[in-house]
Protein backbone atom coordinates (compact mmCIF):
# COMPACT_ATOMS: atom_id res chain seq x y z
CA MET A 1 73.31 2.84 14.34
CA LEU A 2 71.51 -0.27 13.19
CA THR A 3 69.59 -0.06 16.92
CA LYS A 4 68.23 3.39 15.59
CA LEU A 5 67.21 2.84 12.30
CA LEU A 6 65.70 -0.89 12.76
CA PRO A 7 62.76 0.17 14.21
CA VAL A 8 62.02 2.86 11.12
CA ILE A 9 62.37 0.11 8.74
CA LEU A 10 60.58 -2.20 10.76
CA LEU A 11 57.85 0.65 10.86
CA ILE A 12 57.83 1.16 7.33
CA ILE A 13 57.69 -2.69 6.10
CA GLY A 14 54.72 -3.48 8.41
CA THR A 15 52.72 -0.32 7.30
CA GLY A 16 53.52 -1.34 3.76
CA GLY A 17 52.71 -4.64 4.30
CA GLY A 18 49.70 -3.66 6.12
CA ILE A 19 48.89 -1.49 2.91
CA GLY A 20 49.51 -4.21 0.54
CA ALA A 21 46.90 -6.34 2.04
CA GLY A 22 44.69 -3.83 1.93
CA ILE A 23 44.43 -3.65 -1.30
CA MET A 24 44.71 -7.71 -2.23
CA LEU A 25 41.90 -8.30 0.61
CA ALA A 26 39.53 -5.79 -0.24
CA PRO A 27 36.41 -6.63 -1.80
CA PRO A 28 35.95 -5.73 -5.79
CA PRO A 29 34.69 -2.09 -6.75
CA GLU A 30 31.23 -1.82 -7.71
CA GLU A 31 30.73 -0.98 -10.78
CA GLU A 32 27.74 2.38 -10.61
CA HIS A 33 25.45 2.64 -13.27
CA ALA A 34 23.66 5.54 -11.65
CA ALA A 35 23.49 9.01 -13.07
CA PRO A 36 25.98 11.00 -11.61
CA GLY A 37 25.33 13.09 -8.49
CA SER A 38 22.57 10.12 -7.39
CA SER A 39 23.57 7.39 -4.63
CA GLN A 40 21.68 4.70 -5.52
CA ALA A 41 22.60 1.59 -8.00
CA ALA A 42 21.01 0.83 -11.52
CA PRO A 43 18.30 -1.77 -10.66
CA THR A 44 19.09 -4.90 -12.88
CA PRO A 45 16.90 -6.10 -15.52
CA GLU A 46 14.75 -7.88 -13.95
CA GLU A 47 14.10 -5.33 -11.26
CA ALA A 48 13.66 -2.43 -14.00
CA LYS A 49 11.17 -4.40 -15.47
CA GLU A 50 8.91 -5.69 -12.45
CA GLU A 51 9.31 -1.75 -11.99
CA VAL A 52 8.24 -0.86 -15.17
CA ALA A 53 5.39 -3.63 -14.89
CA GLU A 54 4.02 -1.84 -11.74
CA GLU A 55 4.18 1.84 -13.19
CA SER A 56 2.55 0.80 -15.97
CA GLU A 57 0.02 -1.38 -14.32
CA GLU A 58 -0.70 1.75 -11.69
CA ASN A 59 -1.01 4.09 -14.72
CA GLN A 60 -3.73 2.15 -16.05
CA ARG A 61 -5.61 2.43 -12.29
CA GLU A 62 -8.22 4.89 -11.87
CA TYR A 63 -9.87 5.88 -8.30
CA ILE A 64 -13.80 6.97 -8.42
CA LYS A 65 -15.55 8.41 -5.62
CA ILE A 66 -18.88 7.45 -4.86
CA THR A 67 -20.54 10.46 -4.72
CA ASN A 68 -22.68 10.88 -0.88
CA GLN A 69 -21.97 9.16 1.92
CA PHE A 70 -23.68 6.27 3.75
CA VAL A 71 -25.04 6.33 6.62
CA VAL A 72 -26.18 3.09 8.56
CA PRO A 73 -28.08 2.57 11.41
CA VAL A 74 -27.18 0.66 14.26
CA VAL A 75 -29.64 -1.16 15.82
CA GLU A 76 -29.40 -3.09 19.18
CA ARG A 77 -32.62 -4.71 20.55
CA ASP A 78 -34.85 -3.02 18.46
CA GLN A 79 -33.42 0.47 19.61
CA LEU A 80 -31.22 2.73 17.08
CA THR A 81 -28.22 3.50 19.33
CA SER A 82 -25.95 4.81 16.50
CA LEU A 83 -25.25 6.14 13.14
CA VAL A 84 -22.47 5.30 10.95
CA VAL A 85 -21.53 7.47 8.45
CA ILE A 86 -19.05 6.14 5.21
CA SER A 87 -17.80 7.82 2.58
CA LEU A 88 -16.29 5.44 -0.60
CA SER A 89 -14.27 5.09 -3.29
CA LEU A 90 -13.51 2.56 -5.92
CA GLU A 91 -10.18 1.51 -7.28
CA THR A 92 -10.77 0.66 -10.58
CA ARG A 93 -9.24 -0.29 -14.21
CA LYS A 94 -9.06 3.07 -16.63
CA GLY A 95 -12.07 3.50 -18.24
CA THR A 96 -14.32 1.99 -16.17
CA SER A 97 -15.75 5.39 -14.31
CA GLU A 98 -18.32 5.91 -17.17
CA LYS A 99 -19.94 2.04 -15.99
CA VAL A 100 -19.49 3.15 -12.59
CA HIS A 101 -21.21 6.50 -12.97
CA ALA A 102 -24.09 4.58 -14.99
CA TYR A 103 -24.29 1.70 -12.20
CA GLU A 104 -24.24 3.78 -9.47
CA PRO A 105 -27.54 3.53 -8.01
CA LYS A 106 -27.37 0.12 -7.97
CA LEU A 107 -23.63 -0.24 -6.21
CA ARG A 108 -25.15 2.48 -3.80
CA ASP A 109 -28.12 -0.66 -3.48
CA VAL A 110 -25.42 -2.87 -2.96
CA PHE A 111 -23.49 -1.34 -1.16
CA LEU A 112 -25.95 -0.34 1.49
CA GLN A 113 -27.20 -3.78 1.82
CA VAL A 114 -23.35 -4.91 2.67
CA LEU A 115 -22.96 -2.14 4.91
CA PHE A 116 -26.22 -2.98 6.67
CA ASP A 117 -25.42 -6.58 7.34
CA HIS A 118 -22.26 -6.13 8.98
CA ALA A 119 -24.01 -3.57 11.10
CA ASN A 120 -26.49 -6.19 12.12
CA MET A 121 -23.46 -8.67 12.69
CA GLY A 122 -22.16 -6.21 15.54
CA GLY A 123 -19.13 -4.73 13.35
CA PHE A 124 -19.93 -1.22 13.97
CA ARG A 125 -19.83 -2.28 18.23
CA GLY A 126 -17.16 -1.28 20.05
CA ALA A 127 -13.85 -0.81 18.51
CA PHE A 128 -15.14 -1.24 14.33
CA THR A 129 -12.34 0.99 13.37
CA ARG A 130 -9.50 -2.32 13.85
CA SER A 131 -7.93 -3.92 10.56
CA ASP A 132 -9.36 -7.28 11.47
CA VAL A 133 -12.84 -5.60 11.74
CA LEU A 134 -13.00 -3.96 8.68
CA GLU A 135 -10.89 -6.21 6.47
CA PRO A 136 -14.31 -8.74 5.97
CA LEU A 137 -16.20 -5.58 5.67
CA ARG A 138 -13.44 -4.09 2.68
CA THR A 139 -13.51 -7.82 1.45
CA ALA A 140 -17.37 -8.06 0.90
CA LEU A 141 -18.06 -4.51 -0.57
CA ARG A 142 -15.31 -5.66 -3.34
CA GLU A 143 -16.86 -8.88 -3.93
CA ALA A 144 -20.35 -6.92 -4.32
CA ALA A 145 -18.68 -4.22 -6.42
CA GLN A 146 -17.17 -6.63 -8.78
CA LYS A 147 -20.66 -8.78 -9.02
CA GLN A 148 -22.51 -5.49 -10.06
CA ILE A 149 -19.17 -4.03 -12.58
CA GLY A 150 -17.05 -7.06 -13.16
CA LYS A 151 -13.17 -7.32 -12.37
CA GLY A 152 -12.16 -3.96 -13.49
CA VAL A 153 -12.99 -3.00 -9.71
CA TYR A 154 -9.79 -3.95 -7.86
CA ASP A 155 -10.70 -2.79 -4.55
CA VAL A 156 -13.48 -0.32 -2.31
CA LEU A 157 -11.70 2.12 -0.04
CA ILE A 158 -13.34 3.51 3.17
CA MET A 159 -12.33 7.23 2.48
CA GLU A 160 -14.14 8.34 5.85
CA ILE A 161 -15.67 6.12 8.87
CA SER A 162 -17.51 7.81 11.65
CA ARG A 163 -20.05 6.27 14.10
CA GLN A 164 -21.95 9.07 16.33
CA ASP A 165 -24.10 7.65 19.50
CA VAL A 166 -27.24 8.74 19.87
């Protein structure tokens, strides 16, 4: 009789021991501060401060479209080979739009000069939309805008760019 009960007793002891070990060795439960139904835990106080800072910084920016496109001739060996058409916008500090619109003729002039220089250096030849080709152009446009408007200009965004070979 004992031989028939021994496997059942060992099974119960083994199962109980396994459950006990699992409970003892389990990691402590994570506290969730998220709203009910949310699958994400609440951010730490430092993350919350960074998030608020980013949101407030984003709320302090505005995007201003430069009204007309820029048409840049691409000349090689004294021959017009193509035309590049570019649309630009500015990422600025909120409240800068009036100043941008007041200085728009001057901005267009300095932007065209930067675009002409880029074209004359061969920036619009070949795969001209590669990021390593466009990054120096973006930097030069941003610096030109900051020189005219001030540090309230964070970036110059290339909204559209196309090249039409002649």
